[in-house]
PDB file of all heavy atoms in Angstrom:
ATOM      1  N   LYS A   1      -6.001 -10.991 -10.136  1.00  0.00           N
ATOM      2  CA  LYS A   1      -6.370 -10.913  -8.716  1.00  0.00           C
ATOM      3  C   LYS A   1      -7.187  -9.666  -8.395  1.00  0.00           C
ATOM      4  O   LYS A   1      -7.593  -9.461  -7.253  1.00  0.00           O
ATOM      5  CB  LYS A   1      -5.112 -10.926  -7.842  1.00  0.00           C
ATOM      6  CG  LYS A   1      -4.410 -12.267  -7.770  1.00  0.00           C
ATOM      7  CD  LYS A   1      -3.264 -12.239  -6.768  1.00  0.00           C
ATOM      8  CE  LYS A   1      -3.729 -12.076  -5.331  1.00  0.00           C
ATOM      9  NZ  LYS A   1      -2.623 -12.221  -4.352  1.00  0.00           N
ATOM     10  N   ASN A   2      -7.397  -8.814  -9.419  1.00  0.00           N
ATOM     11  CA  ASN A   2      -8.132  -7.556  -9.242  1.00  0.00           C
ATOM     12  C   ASN A   2      -7.444  -6.647  -8.226  1.00  0.00           C
ATOM     13  O   ASN A   2      -8.095  -6.001  -7.395  1.00  0.00           O
ATOM     14  CB  ASN A   2      -9.578  -7.829  -8.816  1.00  0.00           C
ATOM     15  CG  ASN A   2     -10.515  -6.703  -9.239  1.00  0.00           C
ATOM     16  OD1 ASN A   2     -10.196  -5.928 -10.142  1.00  0.00           O
ATOM     17  ND2 ASN A   2     -11.654  -6.601  -8.590  1.00  0.00           N
ATOM     18  N   ILE A   3      -6.116  -6.603  -8.300  1.00  0.00           N
ATOM     19  CA  ILE A   3      -5.336  -5.704  -7.443  1.00  0.00           C
ATOM     20  C   ILE A   3      -5.261  -4.340  -8.123  1.00  0.00           C
ATOM     21  O   ILE A   3      -4.749  -4.218  -9.233  1.00  0.00           O
ATOM     22  CB  ILE A   3      -3.913  -6.246  -7.213  1.00  0.00           C
ATOM     23  CG1 ILE A   3      -3.960  -7.565  -6.445  1.00  0.00           C
ATOM     24  CG2 ILE A   3      -3.061  -5.233  -6.458  1.00  0.00           C
ATOM     25  CD1 ILE A   3      -2.600  -8.227  -6.286  1.00  0.00           C
ATOM     26  N   ALA A   4      -5.767  -3.313  -7.482  1.00  0.00           N
ATOM     27  CA  ALA A   4      -5.706  -1.959  -8.038  1.00  0.00           C
ATOM     28  C   ALA A   4      -4.244  -1.532  -8.138  1.00  0.00           C
ATOM     29  O   ALA A   4      -3.483  -1.684  -7.184  1.00  0.00           O
ATOM     30  CB  ALA A   4      -6.481  -0.985  -7.154  1.00  0.00           C
ATOM     31  N   PRO A   5      -3.821  -0.973  -9.283  1.00  0.00           N
ATOM     32  CA  PRO A   5      -2.404  -0.666  -9.487  1.00  0.00           C
ATOM     33  C   PRO A   5      -1.849   0.383  -8.531  1.00  0.00           C
ATOM     34  O   PRO A   5      -0.666   0.393  -8.234  1.00  0.00           O
ATOM     35  CB  PRO A   5      -2.349  -0.181 -10.938  1.00  0.00           C
ATOM     36  CG  PRO A   5      -3.734   0.278 -11.239  1.00  0.00           C
ATOM     37  CD  PRO A   5      -4.631  -0.632 -10.470  1.00  0.00           C
ATOM     38  N   GLY A   6      -2.720   1.290  -8.034  1.00  0.00           N
ATOM     39  CA  GLY A   6      -2.233   2.340  -7.145  1.00  0.00           C
ATOM     40  C   GLY A   6      -2.500   2.073  -5.676  1.00  0.00           C
ATOM     41  O   GLY A   6      -2.427   2.982  -4.846  1.00  0.00           O
ATOM     42  N   MET A   7      -2.804   0.822  -5.357  1.00  0.00           N
ATOM     43  CA  MET A   7      -3.227   0.490  -3.992  1.00  0.00           C
ATOM     44  C   MET A   7      -2.115   0.651  -2.959  1.00  0.00           C
ATOM     45  O   MET A   7      -2.367   0.955  -1.797  1.00  0.00           O
ATOM     46  CB  MET A   7      -3.751  -0.951  -3.968  1.00  0.00           C
ATOM     47  CG  MET A   7      -4.614  -1.269  -2.770  1.00  0.00           C
ATOM     48  SD  MET A   7      -5.420  -2.876  -2.925  1.00  0.00           S
ATOM     49  CE  MET A   7      -4.060  -3.983  -2.600  1.00  0.00           C
ATOM     50  N   ASN A   8      -0.867   0.456  -3.387  1.00  0.00           N
ATOM     51  CA  ASN A   8       0.237   0.449  -2.422  1.00  0.00           C
ATOM     52  C   ASN A   8       1.212   1.599  -2.620  1.00  0.00           C
ATOM     53  O   ASN A   8       2.413   1.454  -2.421  1.00  0.00           O
ATOM     54  CB  ASN A   8       0.984  -0.898  -2.513  1.00  0.00           C
ATOM     55  CG  ASN A   8       0.105  -2.057  -2.098  1.00  0.00           C
ATOM     56  OD1 ASN A   8      -0.548  -1.997  -1.068  1.00  0.00           O
ATOM     57  ND2 ASN A   8       0.076  -3.095  -2.918  1.00  0.00           N
ATOM     58  N   ARG A   9       0.683   2.753  -3.019  1.00  0.00           N
ATOM     59  CA  ARG A   9       1.541   3.920  -3.195  1.00  0.00           C
ATOM     60  C   ARG A   9       0.793   5.173  -2.752  1.00  0.00           C
ATOM     61  O   ARG A   9      -0.388   5.111  -2.393  1.00  0.00           O
ATOM     62  CB  ARG A   9       2.004   4.040  -4.642  1.00  0.00           C
ATOM     63  CG  ARG A   9       0.888   4.040  -5.675  1.00  0.00           C
ATOM     64  CD  ARG A   9       1.329   4.689  -6.975  1.00  0.00           C
ATOM     65  NE  ARG A   9       1.508   6.134  -6.813  1.00  0.00           N
ATOM     66  CZ  ARG A   9       2.094   6.897  -7.726  1.00  0.00           C
ATOM     67  NH1 ARG A   9       2.580   6.370  -8.838  1.00  0.00           N
ATOM     68  NH2 ARG A   9       2.198   8.212  -7.531  1.00  0.00           N
ATOM     69  N   SER A  10       1.483   6.299  -2.752  1.00  0.00           N
ATOM     70  CA  SER A  10       0.868   7.559  -2.321  1.00  0.00           C
ATOM     71  C   SER A  10       0.732   8.511  -3.506  1.00  0.00           C
ATOM     72  O   SER A  10       1.317   8.293  -4.572  1.00  0.00           O
ATOM     73  CB  SER A  10       1.704   8.210  -1.218  1.00  0.00           C
ATOM     74  OG  SER A  10       3.019   8.459  -1.684  1.00  0.00           O
ATOM     75  N   PHE A  11      -0.026   9.595  -3.289  1.00  0.00           N
ATOM     76  CA  PHE A  11      -0.301  10.567  -4.345  1.00  0.00           C
ATOM     77  C   PHE A  11      -0.222  11.976  -3.763  1.00  0.00           C
ATOM     78  O   PHE A  11      -0.548  12.203  -2.592  1.00  0.00           O
ATOM     79  CB  PHE A  11      -1.695  10.332  -4.936  1.00  0.00           C
ATOM     80  CG  PHE A  11      -1.946   8.907  -5.336  1.00  0.00           C
ATOM     81  CD1 PHE A  11      -2.568   8.026  -4.465  1.00  0.00           C
ATOM     82  CD2 PHE A  11      -1.518   8.430  -6.567  1.00  0.00           C
ATOM     83  CE1 PHE A  11      -2.779   6.706  -4.813  1.00  0.00           C
ATOM     84  CE2 PHE A  11      -1.721   7.113  -6.925  1.00  0.00           C
ATOM     85  CZ  PHE A  11      -2.351   6.245  -6.053  1.00  0.00           C
ATOM     86  N   LEU A  12       0.181  12.928  -4.596  1.00  0.00           N
ATOM     87  CA  LEU A  12       0.304  14.314  -4.143  1.00  0.00           C
ATOM     88  C   LEU A  12      -0.994  14.847  -3.560  1.00  0.00           C
ATOM     89  O   LEU A  12      -1.003  15.531  -2.535  1.00  0.00           O
ATOM     90  CB  LEU A  12       0.722  15.207  -5.311  1.00  0.00           C
ATOM     91  CG  LEU A  12       2.198  15.505  -5.517  1.00  0.00           C
ATOM     92  CD1 LEU A  12       2.369  16.501  -6.643  1.00  0.00           C
ATOM     93  CD2 LEU A  12       2.830  16.050  -4.244  1.00  0.00           C
ATOM     94  N   ALA A  13      -2.112  14.535  -4.211  1.00  0.00           N
ATOM     95  CA  ALA A  13      -3.396  15.118  -3.816  1.00  0.00           C
ATOM     96  C   ALA A  13      -3.914  14.590  -2.483  1.00  0.00           C
ATOM     97  O   ALA A  13      -4.923  15.082  -1.983  1.00  0.00           O
ATOM     98  CB  ALA A  13      -4.435  14.899  -4.913  1.00  0.00           C
ATOM     99  N   GLU A  14      -3.238  13.597  -1.895  1.00  0.00           N
ATOM    100  CA  GLU A  14      -3.636  13.150  -0.556  1.00  0.00           C
ATOM    101  C   GLU A  14      -3.488  14.277   0.461  1.00  0.00           C
ATOM    102  O   GLU A  14      -4.132  14.256   1.510  1.00  0.00           O
ATOM    103  CB  GLU A  14      -2.785  11.944  -0.132  1.00  0.00           C
ATOM    104  CG  GLU A  14      -3.133  10.664  -0.875  1.00  0.00           C
ATOM    105  CD  GLU A  14      -2.291   9.489  -0.409  1.00  0.00           C
ATOM    106  OE1 GLU A  14      -2.370   9.163   0.802  1.00  0.00           O
ATOM    107  OE2 GLU A  14      -1.563   8.896  -1.232  1.00  0.00           O
ATOM    108  N   ASN A  15      -2.642  15.261   0.141  1.00  0.00           N
ATOM    109  CA  ASN A  15      -2.432  16.399   1.045  1.00  0.00           C
ATOM    110  C   ASN A  15      -3.281  17.613   0.680  1.00  0.00           C
ATOM    111  O   ASN A  15      -3.184  18.649   1.321  1.00  0.00           O
ATOM    112  CB  ASN A  15      -0.945  16.799   1.036  1.00  0.00           C
ATOM    113  CG  ASN A  15      -0.053  15.702   1.569  1.00  0.00           C
ATOM    114  OD1 ASN A  15      -0.352  15.099   2.592  1.00  0.00           O
ATOM    115  ND2 ASN A  15       1.048  15.421   0.871  1.00  0.00           N
ATOM    116  N   TRP A  16      -4.134  17.464  -0.346  1.00  0.00           N
ATOM    117  CA  TRP A  16      -4.990  18.580  -0.764  1.00  0.00           C
ATOM    118  C   TRP A  16      -6.292  18.562   0.039  1.00  0.00           C
ATOM    119  O   TRP A  16      -7.380  18.367  -0.498  1.00  0.00           O
ATOM    120  CB  TRP A  16      -5.309  18.481  -2.247  1.00  0.00           C
ATOM    121  CG  TRP A  16      -4.128  18.632  -3.160  1.00  0.00           C
ATOM    122  CD1 TRP A  16      -2.813  18.760  -2.820  1.00  0.00           C
ATOM    123  CD2 TRP A  16      -4.166  18.657  -4.590  1.00  0.00           C
ATOM    124  NE1 TRP A  16      -2.028  18.860  -3.935  1.00  0.00           N
ATOM    125  CE2 TRP A  16      -2.832  18.802  -5.050  1.00  0.00           C
ATOM    126  CE3 TRP A  16      -5.188  18.566  -5.525  1.00  0.00           C
ATOM    127  CZ2 TRP A  16      -2.498  18.857  -6.399  1.00  0.00           C
ATOM    128  CZ3 TRP A  16      -4.866  18.622  -6.879  1.00  0.00           C
ATOM    129  CH2 TRP A  16      -3.536  18.776  -7.319  1.00  0.00           C
ATOM    130  N   THR A  17      -6.184  18.782   1.311  1.00  0.00           N
ATOM    131  CA  THR A  17      -7.382  18.680   2.163  1.00  0.00           C
ATOM    132  C   THR A  17      -8.387  19.799   1.884  1.00  0.00           C
ATOM    133  O   THR A  17      -9.550  19.702   2.283  1.00  0.00           O
ATOM    134  CB  THR A  17      -6.981  18.710   3.645  1.00  0.00           C
ATOM    135  OG1 THR A  17      -6.123  19.835   3.891  1.00  0.00           O
ATOM    136  CG2 THR A  17      -6.230  17.430   4.021  1.00  0.00           C
ATOM    137  N   ASN A  18      -7.961  20.865   1.206  1.00  0.00           N
ATOM    138  CA  ASN A  18      -8.896  21.924   0.824  1.00  0.00           C
ATOM    139  C   ASN A  18      -9.822  21.472  -0.307  1.00  0.00           C
ATOM    140  O   ASN A  18     -10.894  22.044  -0.508  1.00  0.00           O
ATOM    141  CB  ASN A  18      -8.131  23.182   0.403  1.00  0.00           C
ATOM    142  CG  ASN A  18      -7.221  22.928  -0.806  1.00  0.00           C
ATOM    143  OD1 ASN A  18      -6.507  21.921  -0.847  1.00  0.00           O
ATOM    144  ND2 ASN A  18      -7.223  23.832  -1.765  1.00  0.00           N
ATOM    145  N   LEU A  19      -9.413  20.421  -1.056  1.00  0.00           N
ATOM    146  CA  LEU A  19     -10.214  19.926  -2.175  1.00  0.00           C
ATOM    147  C   LEU A  19     -10.757  18.523  -1.948  1.00  0.00           C
ATOM    148  O   LEU A  19     -11.860  18.199  -2.395  1.00  0.00           O
ATOM    149  CB  LEU A  19      -9.370  19.924  -3.467  1.00  0.00           C
ATOM    150  CG  LEU A  19      -8.903  21.283  -4.001  1.00  0.00           C
ATOM    151  CD1 LEU A  19      -7.980  21.080  -5.194  1.00  0.00           C
ATOM    152  CD2 LEU A  19     -10.085  22.151  -4.391  1.00  0.00           C
ATOM    153  N   ILE A  20      -9.968  17.678  -1.291  1.00  0.00           N
ATOM    154  CA  ILE A  20     -10.342  16.269  -1.126  1.00  0.00           C
ATOM    155  C   ILE A  20     -10.232  15.876   0.346  1.00  0.00           C
ATOM    156  O   ILE A  20      -9.125  15.817   0.886  1.00  0.00           O
ATOM    157  CB  ILE A  20      -9.425  15.350  -1.968  1.00  0.00           C
ATOM    158  CG1 ILE A  20      -9.360  15.836  -3.425  1.00  0.00           C
ATOM    159  CG2 ILE A  20      -9.912  13.900  -1.913  1.00  0.00           C
ATOM    160  CD1 ILE A  20      -8.313  15.127  -4.261  1.00  0.00           C
ATOM    161  N   PRO A  21     -11.346  15.603   1.005  1.00  0.00           N
ATOM    162  CA  PRO A  21     -11.275  15.160   2.412  1.00  0.00           C
ATOM    163  C   PRO A  21     -10.472  13.881   2.543  1.00  0.00           C
ATOM    164  O   PRO A  21     -10.520  13.005   1.678  1.00  0.00           O
ATOM    165  CB  PRO A  21     -12.753  14.919   2.770  1.00  0.00           C
ATOM    166  CG  PRO A  21     -13.540  15.716   1.788  1.00  0.00           C
ATOM    167  CD  PRO A  21     -12.744  15.709   0.520  1.00  0.00           C
ATOM    168  N   LYS A  22      -9.706  13.768   3.615  1.00  0.00           N
ATOM    169  CA  LYS A  22      -8.864  12.585   3.842  1.00  0.00           C
ATOM    170  C   LYS A  22      -9.682  11.299   3.794  1.00  0.00           C
ATOM    171  O   LYS A  22      -9.194  10.251   3.364  1.00  0.00           O
ATOM    172  CB  LYS A  22      -8.162  12.700   5.197  1.00  0.00           C
ATOM    173  CG  LYS A  22      -6.944  13.616   5.206  1.00  0.00           C
ATOM    174  CD  LYS A  22      -5.742  12.926   4.567  1.00  0.00           C
ATOM    175  CE  LYS A  22      -4.478  13.752   4.774  1.00  0.00           C
ATOM    176  NZ  LYS A  22      -3.306  13.123   4.097  1.00  0.00           N
ATOM    177  N   LYS A  23     -10.929  11.367   4.250  1.00  0.00           N
ATOM    178  CA  LYS A  23     -11.748  10.150   4.313  1.00  0.00           C
ATOM    179  C   LYS A  23     -12.017   9.579   2.918  1.00  0.00           C
ATOM    180  O   LYS A  23     -12.235   8.375   2.769  1.00  0.00           O
ATOM    181  CB  LYS A  23     -13.053  10.411   5.045  1.00  0.00           C
ATOM    182  CG  LYS A  23     -14.078  11.261   4.306  1.00  0.00           C
ATOM    183  CD  LYS A  23     -15.345  11.418   5.111  1.00  0.00           C
ATOM    184  CE  LYS A  23     -16.416  12.192   4.354  1.00  0.00           C
ATOM    185  NZ  LYS A  23     -16.913  11.487   3.164  1.00  0.00           N
ATOM    186  N   GLU A  24     -11.982  10.439   1.878  1.00  0.00           N
ATOM    187  CA  GLU A  24     -12.193   9.947   0.523  1.00  0.00           C
ATOM    188  C   GLU A  24     -11.074   8.970   0.137  1.00  0.00           C
ATOM    189  O   GLU A  24     -11.324   7.903  -0.429  1.00  0.00           O
ATOM    190  CB  GLU A  24     -12.233  11.104  -0.479  1.00  0.00           C
ATOM    191  CG  GLU A  24     -13.349  12.106  -0.260  1.00  0.00           C
ATOM    192  CD  GLU A  24     -14.684  11.641  -0.840  1.00  0.00           C
ATOM    193  OE1 GLU A  24     -14.852  10.432  -1.097  1.00  0.00           O
ATOM    194  OE2 GLU A  24     -15.564  12.502  -1.020  1.00  0.00           O
ATOM    195  N   TRP A  25      -9.837   9.336   0.452  1.00  0.00           N
ATOM    196  CA  TRP A  25      -8.697   8.461   0.145  1.00  0.00           C
ATOM    197  C   TRP A  25      -8.803   7.162   0.941  1.00  0.00           C
ATOM    198  O   TRP A  25      -8.549   6.078   0.409  1.00  0.00           O
ATOM    199  CB  TRP A  25      -7.384   9.165   0.459  1.00  0.00           C
ATOM    200  CG  TRP A  25      -7.071  10.287  -0.491  1.00  0.00           C
ATOM    201  CD1 TRP A  25      -7.211  11.626  -0.260  1.00  0.00           C
ATOM    202  CD2 TRP A  25      -6.595  10.171  -1.842  1.00  0.00           C
ATOM    203  NE1 TRP A  25      -6.842  12.344  -1.364  1.00  0.00           N
ATOM    204  CE2 TRP A  25      -6.458  11.477  -2.348  1.00  0.00           C
ATOM    205  CE3 TRP A  25      -6.269   9.092  -2.650  1.00  0.00           C
ATOM    206  CZ2 TRP A  25      -5.998  11.735  -3.645  1.00  0.00           C
ATOM    207  CZ3 TRP A  25      -5.806   9.335  -3.944  1.00  0.00           C
ATOM    208  CH2 TRP A  25      -5.681  10.635  -4.429  1.00  0.00           C
ATOM    209  N   TYR A  26      -9.179   7.287   2.193  1.00  0.00           N
ATOM    210  CA  TYR A  26      -9.288   6.096   3.035  1.00  0.00           C
ATOM    211  C   TYR A  26     -10.372   5.157   2.491  1.00  0.00           C
ATOM    212  O   TYR A  26     -10.156   3.941   2.384  1.00  0.00           O
ATOM    213  CB  TYR A  26      -9.610   6.495   4.477  1.00  0.00           C
ATOM    214  CG  TYR A  26      -9.901   5.301   5.350  1.00  0.00           C
ATOM    215  CD1 TYR A  26      -8.865   4.525   5.866  1.00  0.00           C
ATOM    216  CD2 TYR A  26     -11.217   4.934   5.654  1.00  0.00           C
ATOM    217  CE1 TYR A  26      -9.130   3.407   6.653  1.00  0.00           C
ATOM    218  CE2 TYR A  26     -11.500   3.822   6.434  1.00  0.00           C
ATOM    219  CZ  TYR A  26     -10.446   3.066   6.934  1.00  0.00           C
ATOM    220  OH  TYR A  26     -10.707   1.960   7.699  1.00  0.00           O
ATOM    221  N   GLU A  27     -11.529   5.708   2.156  1.00  0.00           N
ATOM    222  CA  GLU A  27     -12.643   4.874   1.696  1.00  0.00           C
ATOM    223  C   GLU A  27     -12.344   4.209   0.353  1.00  0.00           C
ATOM    224  O   GLU A  27     -12.682   3.040   0.146  1.00  0.00           O
ATOM    225  CB  GLU A  27     -13.921   5.727   1.605  1.00  0.00           C
ATOM    226  CG  GLU A  27     -14.462   6.110   2.973  1.00  0.00           C
ATOM    227  CD  GLU A  27     -15.627   7.087   2.904  1.00  0.00           C
ATOM    228  OE1 GLU A  27     -15.991   7.496   1.761  1.00  0.00           O
ATOM    229  OE2 GLU A  27     -16.163   7.464   3.965  1.00  0.00           O
ATOM    230  N   VAL A  28     -11.700   4.941  -0.560  1.00  0.00           N
ATOM    231  CA  VAL A  28     -11.356   4.349  -1.854  1.00  0.00           C
ATOM    232  C   VAL A  28     -10.266   3.293  -1.680  1.00  0.00           C
ATOM    233  O   VAL A  28     -10.299   2.234  -2.319  1.00  0.00           O
ATOM    234  CB  VAL A  28     -10.925   5.432  -2.857  1.00  0.00           C
ATOM    235  CG1 VAL A  28     -10.449   4.795  -4.168  1.00  0.00           C
ATOM    236  CG2 VAL A  28     -12.076   6.389  -3.136  1.00  0.00           C
ATOM    237  N   GLY A  29      -9.304   3.563  -0.781  1.00  0.00           N
ATOM    238  CA  GLY A  29      -8.280   2.565  -0.492  1.00  0.00           C
ATOM    239  C   GLY A  29      -8.881   1.296   0.077  1.00  0.00           C
ATOM    240  O   GLY A  29      -8.475   0.178  -0.263  1.00  0.00           O
ATOM    241  N   GLN A  30      -9.888   1.463   0.936  1.00  0.00           N
ATOM    242  CA  GLN A  30     -10.574   0.305   1.522  1.00  0.00           C
ATOM    243  C   GLN A  30     -11.353  -0.452   0.445  1.00  0.00           C
ATOM    244  O   GLN A  30     -11.369  -1.691   0.432  1.00  0.00           O
ATOM    245  CB  GLN A  30     -11.526   0.769   2.625  1.00  0.00           C
ATOM    246  CG  GLN A  30     -12.134  -0.361   3.440  1.00  0.00           C
ATOM    247  CD  GLN A  30     -11.090  -1.183   4.192  1.00  0.00           C
ATOM    248  OE1 GLN A  30     -10.254  -0.625   4.889  1.00  0.00           O
ATOM    249  NE2 GLN A  30     -11.133  -2.494   4.017  1.00  0.00           N
ATOM    250  N   GLU A  31     -11.974   0.304  -0.462  1.00  0.00           N
ATOM    251  CA  GLU A  31     -12.683  -0.334  -1.579  1.00  0.00           C
ATOM    252  C   GLU A  31     -11.727  -1.198  -2.400  1.00  0.00           C
ATOM    253  O   GLU A  31     -12.061  -2.333  -2.775  1.00  0.00           O
ATOM    254  CB  GLU A  31     -13.297   0.747  -2.478  1.00  0.00           C
ATOM    255  CG  GLU A  31     -13.997   0.199  -3.727  1.00  0.00           C
ATOM    256  CD  GLU A  31     -14.367   1.296  -4.722  1.00  0.00           C
ATOM    257  OE1 GLU A  31     -14.105   2.481  -4.455  1.00  0.00           O
ATOM    258  OE2 GLU A  31     -14.904   0.936  -5.794  1.00  0.00           O
ATOM    259  N   ALA A  32     -10.531  -0.663  -2.672  1.00  0.00           N
ATOM    260  CA  ALA A  32      -9.543  -1.407  -3.455  1.00  0.00           C
ATOM    261  C   ALA A  32      -9.135  -2.694  -2.737  1.00  0.00           C
ATOM    262  O   ALA A  32      -9.030  -3.762  -3.359  1.00  0.00           O
ATOM    263  CB  ALA A  32      -8.316  -0.532  -3.719  1.00  0.00           C
ATOM    264  N   MET A  33      -8.924  -2.616  -1.432  1.00  0.00           N
ATOM    265  CA  MET A  33      -8.530  -3.805  -0.667  1.00  0.00           C
ATOM    266  C   MET A  33      -9.642  -4.854  -0.659  1.00  0.00           C
ATOM    267  O   MET A  33      -9.384  -6.053  -0.777  1.00  0.00           O
ATOM    268  CB  MET A  33      -8.152  -3.417   0.761  1.00  0.00           C
ATOM    269  CG  MET A  33      -6.807  -2.725   0.867  1.00  0.00           C
ATOM    270  SD  MET A  33      -6.231  -2.539   2.574  1.00  0.00           S
ATOM    271  CE  MET A  33      -7.244  -1.172   3.113  1.00  0.00           C
ATOM    272  N   ASP A  34     -10.879  -4.381  -0.556  1.00  0.00           N
ATOM    273  CA  ASP A  34     -12.017  -5.308  -0.511  1.00  0.00           C
ATOM    274  C   ASP A  34     -12.209  -6.046  -1.835  1.00  0.00           C
ATOM    275  O   ASP A  34     -12.769  -7.148  -1.855  1.00  0.00           O
ATOM    276  CB  ASP A  34     -13.304  -4.546  -0.166  1.00  0.00           C
ATOM    277  CG  ASP A  34     -13.305  -4.025   1.269  1.00  0.00           C
ATOM    278  OD1 ASP A  34     -12.478  -4.507   2.081  1.00  0.00           O
ATOM    279  OD2 ASP A  34     -14.119  -3.133   1.568  1.00  0.00           O
ATOM    280  N   LEU A  35     -11.757  -5.449  -2.935  1.00  0.00           N
ATOM    281  CA  LEU A  35     -11.967  -6.042  -4.249  1.00  0.00           C
ATOM    282  C   LEU A  35     -10.908  -7.077  -4.637  1.00  0.00           C
ATOM    283  O   LEU A  35     -11.071  -7.801  -5.616  1.00  0.00           O
ATOM    284  CB  LEU A  35     -12.008  -4.943  -5.320  1.00  0.00           C
ATOM    285  CG  LEU A  35     -13.258  -4.045  -5.306  1.00  0.00           C
ATOM    286  CD1 LEU A  35     -13.066  -2.870  -6.258  1.00  0.00           C
ATOM    287  CD2 LEU A  35     -14.500  -4.840  -5.678  1.00  0.00           C
ATOM    288  N   VAL A  36      -9.817  -7.148  -3.886  1.00  0.00           N
ATOM    289  CA  VAL A  36      -8.744  -8.105  -4.206  1.00  0.00           C
ATOM    290  C   VAL A  36      -9.253  -9.536  -4.042  1.00  0.00           C
ATOM    291  O   VAL A  36      -9.899  -9.872  -3.049  1.00  0.00           O
ATOM    292  CB  VAL A  36      -7.510  -7.881  -3.305  1.00  0.00           C
ATOM    293  CG1 VAL A  36      -6.457  -8.959  -3.568  1.00  0.00           C
ATOM    294  CG2 VAL A  36      -6.921  -6.495  -3.551  1.00  0.00           C
TER     295      VAL A  36
END
């Protein structure tokens, strides 16, 4: 089904806003949903 394995969980680096903007997580999560 092309379900990304990490699509339905969280990661420590989601809180690393000094390194990774929140929008990056949102956009990649949206990409994963679109590919299902």
